Protein backbone atom coordinates (compact mmCIF):
# COMPACT_ATOMS: atom_id res chain seq x y z
CA MET A 1 -90.28 28.20 47.06
CA ASN A 2 -90.07 29.67 50.61
CA ARG A 3 -91.96 32.61 51.97
CA ARG A 4 -89.26 35.14 51.10
CA ASP A 5 -89.30 34.03 47.44
CA VAL A 6 -92.85 34.95 47.24
CA LEU A 7 -92.66 38.19 49.16
CA ILE A 8 -89.45 39.76 48.20
CA ARG A 9 -88.64 38.46 44.63
CA ALA A 10 -90.91 39.74 41.96
CA PRO A 11 -91.46 37.39 39.04
CA GLU A 12 -90.37 38.53 35.53
CA GLY A 13 -93.19 39.78 33.49
CA GLY A 14 -96.26 42.00 34.22
CA ALA A 15 -97.37 43.71 37.33
CA ASN A 16 -99.42 40.90 38.83
CA GLN A 17 -100.34 40.70 42.48
CA SER A 18 -97.14 39.16 43.59
CA GLY A 19 -95.06 41.73 41.76
CA LEU A 20 -97.13 44.59 43.25
CA ARG A 21 -96.66 43.12 46.74
CA ASP A 22 -92.96 42.97 46.10
CA ARG A 23 -92.72 46.57 45.16
CA ASN A 24 -94.87 47.56 48.28
CA ALA A 25 -92.81 45.37 50.54
CA ARG A 26 -89.66 47.02 49.27
CA LEU A 27 -91.13 50.48 49.81
CA VAL A 28 -92.05 49.65 53.43
CA LEU A 29 -88.52 48.33 54.08
CA SER A 30 -86.98 51.38 52.52
CA LEU A 31 -89.00 53.73 54.70
CA LEU A 32 -87.94 51.82 57.81
CA ARG A 33 -84.31 51.90 56.62
CA ARG A 34 -84.36 55.59 56.11
CA HIS A 35 -86.42 56.67 59.07
CA GLY A 36 -86.01 54.06 61.59
CA ALA A 37 -88.88 52.51 63.59
CA LEU A 38 -92.38 53.62 62.42
CA ALA A 39 -95.90 52.62 63.48
CA GLY A 40 -98.22 51.16 60.85
CA ALA A 41 -100.26 54.40 60.55
CA GLU A 42 -97.08 56.47 59.85
CA ILE A 43 -95.95 53.91 57.33
CA ALA A 44 -99.26 54.19 55.58
CA ARG A 45 -99.11 57.96 55.63
CA ARG A 46 -95.53 58.14 54.19
CA SER A 47 -96.06 55.38 51.60
CA GLY A 48 -99.50 56.12 50.35
CA LEU A 49 -100.53 52.52 50.96
CA SER A 50 -103.79 51.64 52.86
CA ALA A 51 -103.57 50.75 56.49
CA GLN A 52 -104.68 47.20 55.80
CA THR A 53 -102.02 46.70 53.11
CA VAL A 54 -99.28 48.01 55.48
CA SER A 55 -100.62 45.66 58.17
CA ASN A 56 -100.43 42.65 55.81
CA ILE A 57 -96.91 43.53 54.59
CA THR A 58 -95.46 44.12 58.04
CA ARG A 59 -97.03 40.87 59.47
CA ALA A 60 -95.56 38.92 56.58
CA LEU A 61 -92.12 40.61 56.96
CA GLU A 62 -92.05 40.02 60.60
CA ALA A 63 -92.96 36.40 60.07
CA ASP A 64 -90.12 36.16 57.73
CA GLY A 65 -87.63 37.57 60.29
CA LEU A 66 -87.11 40.92 58.41
CA LEU A 67 -88.95 43.15 60.91
CA ARG A 68 -89.29 43.31 64.60
CA ARG A 69 -91.89 44.92 66.91
CA GLY A 70 -90.95 47.69 69.28
CA ALA A 71 -92.60 48.51 72.59
CA ALA A 72 -96.20 49.74 72.37
CA VAL A 73 -96.61 53.53 72.45
CA LYS A 74 -99.82 54.70 74.16
CA GLY A 75 -101.57 57.71 72.78
CA LYS A 76 -104.31 59.95 74.21
CA VAL A 77 -106.99 58.00 72.36
CA GLY A 78 -107.40 54.70 70.64
CA LYS A 79 -105.17 51.60 70.67
CA PRO A 80 -101.47 51.92 71.46
CA SER A 81 -99.33 52.07 68.35
CA ILE A 82 -96.50 49.47 67.84
CA PRO A 83 -93.52 50.66 65.88
CA MET A 84 -91.90 48.28 63.48
CA ALA A 85 -88.13 48.30 62.60
CA LEU A 86 -85.69 46.33 60.51
CA GLU A 87 -84.55 43.24 62.25
CA PRO A 88 -80.69 43.69 62.21
CA ASN A 89 -80.12 39.89 62.15
CA GLY A 90 -82.72 39.35 59.51
CA VAL A 91 -80.12 39.61 56.65
CA GLN A 92 -76.34 39.96 56.51
CA SER A 93 -74.04 40.73 53.60
CA LEU A 94 -70.38 40.77 52.65
CA GLY A 95 -68.47 43.52 50.98
CA LEU A 96 -65.02 43.24 49.35
CA ASN A 97 -63.04 46.17 48.32
CA ILE A 98 -60.22 45.53 45.91
CA GLY A 99 -57.95 48.55 45.89
CA ARG A 100 -54.70 49.25 44.13
CA ARG A 101 -52.84 49.33 47.50
CA SER A 102 -55.08 47.34 49.84
CA ALA A 103 -58.06 45.06 50.12
CA GLU A 104 -60.81 44.96 52.77
CA LEU A 105 -63.63 42.60 53.62
CA ALA A 106 -66.63 43.75 55.66
CA LEU A 107 -69.56 41.93 57.14
CA VAL A 108 -72.75 44.09 57.84
CA ASP A 109 -76.19 43.47 59.17
CA PHE A 110 -79.58 44.45 57.65
CA ASN A 111 -79.08 48.05 58.95
CA GLY A 112 -75.66 48.34 57.36
CA ARG A 113 -73.96 48.19 60.74
CA LEU A 114 -70.47 46.85 60.59
CA ILE A 115 -70.30 43.41 62.33
CA ASP A 116 -66.67 42.60 61.61
CA ALA A 117 -63.94 43.53 59.04
CA CYS A 118 -60.48 42.49 58.07
CA GLU A 119 -57.94 44.05 55.66
CA THR A 120 -54.60 43.52 53.97
CA THR A 121 -52.12 45.74 52.14
CA TYR A 122 -49.90 45.03 49.17
CA ALA A 123 -47.63 46.71 46.65
CA PHE A 124 -50.13 45.98 43.84
CA PRO A 125 -53.22 43.78 43.61
CA GLU A 126 -52.30 40.26 42.49
CA ILE A 127 -55.32 38.07 41.81
CA GLU A 128 -53.97 35.21 43.79
CA ALA A 129 -53.22 37.42 46.89
CA VAL A 130 -56.68 39.00 46.70
CA PHE A 131 -58.64 35.78 46.49
CA GLY A 132 -56.48 34.25 49.16
CA PHE A 133 -57.38 37.18 51.41
CA LEU A 134 -61.03 36.70 50.54
CA ASP A 135 -60.95 33.06 51.46
CA HIS A 136 -59.15 33.82 54.74
CA GLY A 137 -61.68 36.60 55.57
CA ILE A 138 -64.75 34.41 55.03
CA ALA A 139 -63.16 31.62 57.17
CA ARG A 140 -62.63 34.15 59.87
CA PHE A 141 -66.18 35.50 59.79
CA ALA A 142 -67.57 31.99 59.73
CA ARG A 143 -65.76 31.34 62.99
CA THR A 144 -66.69 34.64 64.71
CA CYS A 145 -70.15 35.08 63.35
CA PRO A 146 -71.40 31.63 62.22
CA ARG A 147 -75.15 32.63 62.23
CA ALA A 148 -74.50 35.38 59.78
CA PHE A 149 -74.06 32.86 56.97
CA GLN A 150 -77.58 31.44 57.57
CA ARG A 151 -79.13 34.59 56.00
CA MET A 152 -76.52 36.04 53.66
CA ALA A 153 -77.88 38.34 50.93
CA GLY A 154 -74.77 38.01 48.84
CA ILE A 155 -71.36 39.64 48.41
CA GLY A 156 -70.76 43.04 46.92
CA VAL A 157 -67.37 43.81 45.31
CA ALA A 158 -66.04 47.26 44.89
CA ARG A 159 -63.07 47.64 42.48
CA PRO A 160 -61.59 50.33 40.25
CA ASN A 161 -62.76 50.31 36.67
CA GLU A 162 -60.08 48.93 34.52
CA ILE A 163 -57.87 48.04 37.44
CA TRP A 164 -55.16 46.90 34.98
CA ASN A 165 -54.57 50.49 33.73
CA TRP A 166 -52.24 53.22 35.15
CA LEU A 167 -49.71 50.44 35.91
CA GLU A 168 -46.71 52.95 36.10
CA LEU A 169 -48.45 54.87 38.92
CA VAL A 170 -48.48 51.72 41.20
CA ASN A 171 -45.38 50.09 39.81
CA ALA A 172 -47.27 46.98 38.97
CA PRO A 173 -46.03 44.43 36.44
CA ALA A 174 -48.12 44.23 33.32
CA SER A 175 -48.26 40.46 33.33
CA ALA A 176 -49.85 40.38 36.91
CA MET A 177 -52.40 43.11 36.06
CA GLN A 178 -53.28 41.61 32.65
CA LYS A 179 -54.84 38.69 34.51
CA TRP A 180 -57.56 41.05 35.83
CA GLN A 181 -58.53 42.05 32.32
CA ASP A 182 -58.94 38.36 31.38
CA LEU A 183 -60.99 37.50 34.55
CA ASN A 184 -64.71 37.30 34.81
CA LEU A 185 -64.77 38.76 38.36
CA GLU A 186 -68.51 38.12 38.96
CA GLU A 187 -68.34 34.57 38.01
CA GLU A 188 -65.17 33.91 40.00
CA VAL A 189 -66.39 35.53 43.14
CA SER A 190 -69.68 33.73 42.98
CA HIS A 191 -67.94 30.39 42.45
CA ARG A 192 -65.53 30.86 45.33
CA THR A 193 -68.09 32.09 47.88
CA GLU A 194 -71.25 30.29 46.64
CA LEU A 195 -72.98 33.72 46.97
CA GLU A 196 -74.54 35.97 44.44
CA ALA A 197 -72.01 38.62 43.55
CA PHE A 198 -72.66 42.30 42.76
CA ILE A 199 -69.67 44.15 41.09
CA ARG A 200 -69.40 47.96 41.18
CA ASN A 201 -66.97 50.80 40.77
CA ASP A 202 -65.11 51.33 44.09
CA ALA A 203 -65.80 55.11 44.41
CA THR A 204 -69.51 54.54 43.49
CA SER A 205 -69.67 51.96 46.13
CA ALA A 206 -68.25 54.39 48.63
CA CYS A 207 -70.93 56.84 47.47
CA VAL A 208 -73.54 54.14 48.36
CA ALA A 209 -72.27 54.02 51.82
CA GLU A 210 -72.43 57.76 52.31
CA HIS A 211 -75.98 57.82 50.72
CA LEU A 212 -77.41 55.03 52.84
CA LEU A 213 -75.38 55.30 56.16
CA GLY A 214 -73.91 58.92 56.03
CA ARG A 215 -75.17 62.22 55.04
CA GLY A 216 -77.46 61.10 52.23
CA GLY A 217 -80.43 62.00 54.43
CA GLU A 218 -79.39 65.70 54.36
CA PHE A 219 -78.99 66.07 50.61
CA ARG A 220 -81.24 64.69 47.78
CA ASP A 221 -78.82 65.76 45.13
CA PHE A 222 -75.04 65.62 45.78
CA ALA A 223 -71.77 64.63 44.11
CA TYR A 224 -69.32 62.57 46.06
CA ILE A 225 -65.52 62.45 45.85
CA PHE A 226 -63.45 59.71 47.41
CA VAL A 227 -59.71 60.19 47.61
CA GLY A 228 -57.91 56.85 47.76
CA ALA A 229 -54.82 55.48 46.09
CA PHE A 230 -56.61 57.20 43.07
CA VAL A 231 -59.40 59.60 43.29
CA GLY A 232 -63.01 58.72 42.15
CA GLY A 233 -66.53 59.73 42.63
CA GLY A 234 -70.29 59.12 42.51
CA LEU A 235 -73.46 60.98 42.01
CA VAL A 236 -76.91 60.99 43.81
CA LEU A 237 -79.81 62.82 42.15
CA ASP A 238 -83.33 62.95 43.51
CA GLY A 239 -82.28 60.71 46.34
CA LYS A 240 -81.04 57.98 44.07
CA ILE A 241 -77.63 56.64 43.04
CA VAL A 242 -76.90 57.36 39.34
CA TRP A 243 -75.09 54.32 38.03
CA GLY A 244 -74.90 55.15 34.32
CA ARG A 245 -74.84 52.80 31.33
CA THR A 246 -71.57 51.09 32.39
CA GLY A 247 -71.78 51.73 36.11
CA ASN A 248 -69.11 54.43 35.97
CA THR A 249 -71.02 57.73 36.25
CA ALA A 250 -69.03 60.56 37.92
CA ALA A 251 -65.83 58.42 37.93
CA LEU A 252 -63.88 61.75 38.12
CA GLY A 253 -60.39 60.27 38.03
CA PRO A 254 -59.84 60.79 34.29
CA LEU A 255 -61.25 64.33 34.44
CA PRO A 256 -58.92 66.56 32.36
CA LEU A 257 -57.17 69.39 34.08
CA PRO A 258 -54.56 71.89 33.06
CA GLY A 259 -51.02 70.59 33.52
CA SER A 260 -47.44 71.12 32.69
CA SER A 261 -47.73 69.35 29.31
CA GLN A 262 -49.67 70.58 26.33
CA ARG A 263 -52.22 67.81 26.79
CA GLY A 264 -52.71 68.68 30.42
CA THR A 265 -53.24 65.95 32.96
CA GLN A 266 -55.95 63.97 34.70
CA LEU A 267 -57.37 64.58 38.18
CA LEU A 268 -56.01 61.23 39.43
CA ASN A 269 -52.54 62.44 38.74
CA VAL A 270 -52.87 65.45 40.98
CA ALA A 271 -55.39 64.63 43.65
CA SER A 272 -54.77 61.03 44.84
CA LEU A 273 -52.91 59.56 47.72
CA HIS A 274 -50.32 58.04 45.39
CA VAL A 275 -49.10 61.61 44.92
CA LEU A 276 -48.43 61.88 48.66
CA GLU A 277 -46.75 58.54 48.82
CA THR A 278 -44.42 59.51 45.94
CA ALA A 279 -43.46 62.69 47.84
CA LEU A 280 -42.79 60.73 51.03
CA GLN A 281 -40.71 58.10 49.13
CA ALA A 282 -38.61 60.92 47.69
CA ARG A 283 -37.65 61.73 51.23
CA GLY A 284 -36.71 58.15 51.97
CA LEU A 285 -39.79 57.69 54.30
CA ASP A 286 -41.60 54.30 54.79
CA ILE A 287 -45.02 54.74 53.02
CA GLN A 288 -46.25 51.61 54.83
CA ALA A 289 -46.23 53.58 58.01
CA LEU A 290 -48.58 56.05 56.32
CA ARG A 291 -50.93 53.27 55.34
CA ASP A 292 -50.91 51.80 58.85
CA SER A 293 -51.66 55.10 60.55
CA ALA A 294 -55.47 55.35 60.28
CA ASP A 295 -56.03 58.29 62.58
CA ASP A 296 -53.01 60.51 62.70
CA TRP A 297 -50.66 61.67 59.92
CA SER A 298 -48.95 64.49 61.74
CA ALA A 299 -45.63 62.58 61.57
CA PHE A 300 -45.57 63.01 57.85
CA GLU A 301 -45.45 66.83 57.71
CA PRO A 302 -44.68 68.99 55.82
CA GLU A 303 -45.53 66.70 52.85
CA VAL A 304 -49.10 66.22 54.07
CA SER A 305 -49.76 69.97 54.18
CA ASP A 306 -48.31 70.42 50.72
CA TRP A 307 -50.46 67.52 49.42
CA VAL A 308 -53.66 69.02 51.03
CA ASP A 309 -52.91 72.30 49.32
CA GLU A 310 -52.29 70.94 45.92
CA THR A 311 -55.13 68.44 46.14
CA ALA A 312 -57.72 71.06 47.29
CA ALA A 313 -56.72 73.36 44.39
CA ASN A 314 -57.41 70.60 41.93
CA LEU A 315 -60.51 69.41 43.74
CA GLY A 316 -61.76 72.98 43.50
CA LEU A 317 -61.40 72.79 39.66
CA ALA A 318 -63.11 69.38 39.69
CA ALA A 319 -65.94 70.90 41.72
CA ALA A 320 -66.35 73.69 39.28
CA SER A 321 -66.59 71.18 36.40
CA ILE A 322 -69.32 69.21 38.31
CA ALA A 323 -71.28 72.38 39.10
CA SER A 324 -71.12 73.47 35.45
CA VAL A 325 -72.67 70.18 34.30
CA VAL A 326 -75.11 69.07 36.97
CA GLU A 327 -76.97 70.94 39.72
CA VAL A 328 -76.22 69.48 43.08
CA GLN A 329 -76.77 70.85 46.59
CA ALA A 330 -73.42 69.70 47.90
CA ILE A 331 -70.22 68.04 47.01
CA LEU A 332 -69.05 65.62 49.71
CA LEU A 333 -65.43 64.86 50.22
CA ASP A 334 -64.21 61.68 51.84
CA GLY A 335 -61.15 59.46 51.59
CA ALA A 336 -58.78 56.86 53.15
CA PHE A 337 -57.15 59.26 55.45
CA PRO A 338 -57.73 60.66 59.05
CA ALA A 339 -60.87 62.68 59.81
CA ALA A 340 -58.92 65.68 60.80
CA LEU A 341 -57.30 65.70 57.35
CA ARG A 342 -60.72 65.37 55.69
CA ALA A 343 -61.82 68.61 57.47
CA ARG A 344 -58.72 70.47 56.24
CA LEU A 345 -59.19 69.28 52.72
CA ALA A 346 -62.97 70.19 52.59
CA GLU A 347 -62.17 73.63 53.95
CA LYS A 348 -59.39 74.31 51.48
CA THR A 349 -61.41 72.90 48.57
CA ALA A 350 -64.35 75.20 49.43
CA ALA A 351 -61.90 78.11 49.43
CA ALA A 352 -60.55 77.07 46.02
CA LEU A 353 -64.05 76.77 44.49
CA ALA A 354 -64.94 80.21 45.94
CA ASP A 355 -62.14 81.77 43.97
CA ILE A 356 -63.34 80.29 40.65
CA ASP A 357 -65.73 82.41 38.41
CA LEU A 358 -68.92 80.50 37.85
CA THR A 359 -71.13 83.36 36.95
CA GLY A 360 -74.58 81.99 36.06
CA VAL A 361 -74.12 78.81 38.12
CA GLU A 362 -75.10 78.34 41.74
CA LYS A 363 -72.05 76.89 43.49
CA PRO A 364 -72.66 73.79 45.60
CA ARG A 365 -71.61 73.52 49.21
CA ILE A 366 -68.32 71.64 49.90
CA GLU A 367 -68.87 69.35 52.86
CA GLU A 368 -67.19 66.54 54.55
CA GLY A 369 -68.35 62.95 54.03
CA SER A 370 -68.84 60.89 57.10
CA ILE A 371 -67.91 57.30 56.57
CA GLY A 372 -64.08 57.43 56.02
CA ARG A 373 -61.62 54.81 54.79
CA ARG A 374 -64.08 51.80 55.04
CA ALA A 375 -66.67 53.58 52.73
CA ARG A 376 -65.86 51.28 49.84
CA SER A 377 -66.11 47.96 51.57
CA LEU A 378 -69.24 49.11 53.49
CA GLY A 379 -70.82 50.33 50.27
CA ALA A 380 -69.99 47.06 48.62
CA ALA A 381 -71.64 45.07 51.40
CA LEU A 382 -74.75 47.24 51.01
CA LEU A 383 -75.12 46.40 47.32
CA PRO A 384 -76.72 42.98 47.73
CA ILE A 385 -79.16 44.19 50.50
CA HIS A 386 -80.07 47.40 48.57
CA SER A 387 -80.69 45.36 45.38
CA LYS A 388 -82.80 42.73 46.96
CA TYR A 389 -84.69 44.41 49.68
CA PHE A 390 -85.03 48.18 49.09
CA VAL A 391 -86.40 50.51 46.44
CA THR A 392 -83.62 51.31 44.02
């Protein structure tokens, strides 16, 4: 058993000394992740731990390559303080997003900073194509960042719940999608990569990225909406991700809305990018050009403006439903589209929510998310690090 096994991984069972030290080490690492470099005295003040306990923990974490010392800061009296910070190269992690239209693989450091990424697009997600892409991406990272694989925390996988459903919306053959239902994804990914795998809903993974790398520091309670091929969401309460019993809390896509039929419709049918792609296809336009244009969709007007208006109206209804059920400070909107479009969508969604009568309920702010189209793969990459090293 190496030093990290003793320090980071708590044994099963009671709260013995090793387990207590594990929780305290996670607390210290979590404070440094959220606030950046801190001196020992400040860590002790924020954590409630004694100065001696903090000193012991930081020395051990530094020896294990997880923390690094900053330059000494001289005060008016006493010894200079030495801030400690996460060592970016202390741990790396992989994140795979399996989408209905594309896949992306990301490599991040201990701070969640993107080291490298690669992606592919497809008409629908065939298992063989997705795993071929995964193998190719890992081989690429092994060439470009060989040292990263010496301290790999694991691989996170973001994927839509029940990816085999809604076949007609992505024109996917039932035979190919049925394979996903029969697959143990966690076992397969672990076997192929020889890494511990963490499987989560794709939109909740995107929420993890927003929470840890984006605007999570501004709001302790927020709902999150990510608009991709299908729309999905996540929830943060009291500064923590709410996973739910099946890991699918605040999925939002199946949320019932009024529609043309007696049964109504679901949010994913009226607030997703596949709606825009369908409109463009009806005009005979190449939707692959839309997917390849990460920063500017002005060439696809007026369909884009029509889509923003319709999507915002329906997201306003979704926001009203969220506010009626759970109190949050804000609802953050993000998606796989240009940042300028995100701003337009947030503004129009806020206007739509303002027009809805929610007497007796305090309406949340509608705000932009900050991560963008890579939120799902970045969030997936953060899953192993967050699970193993930080307070969850």
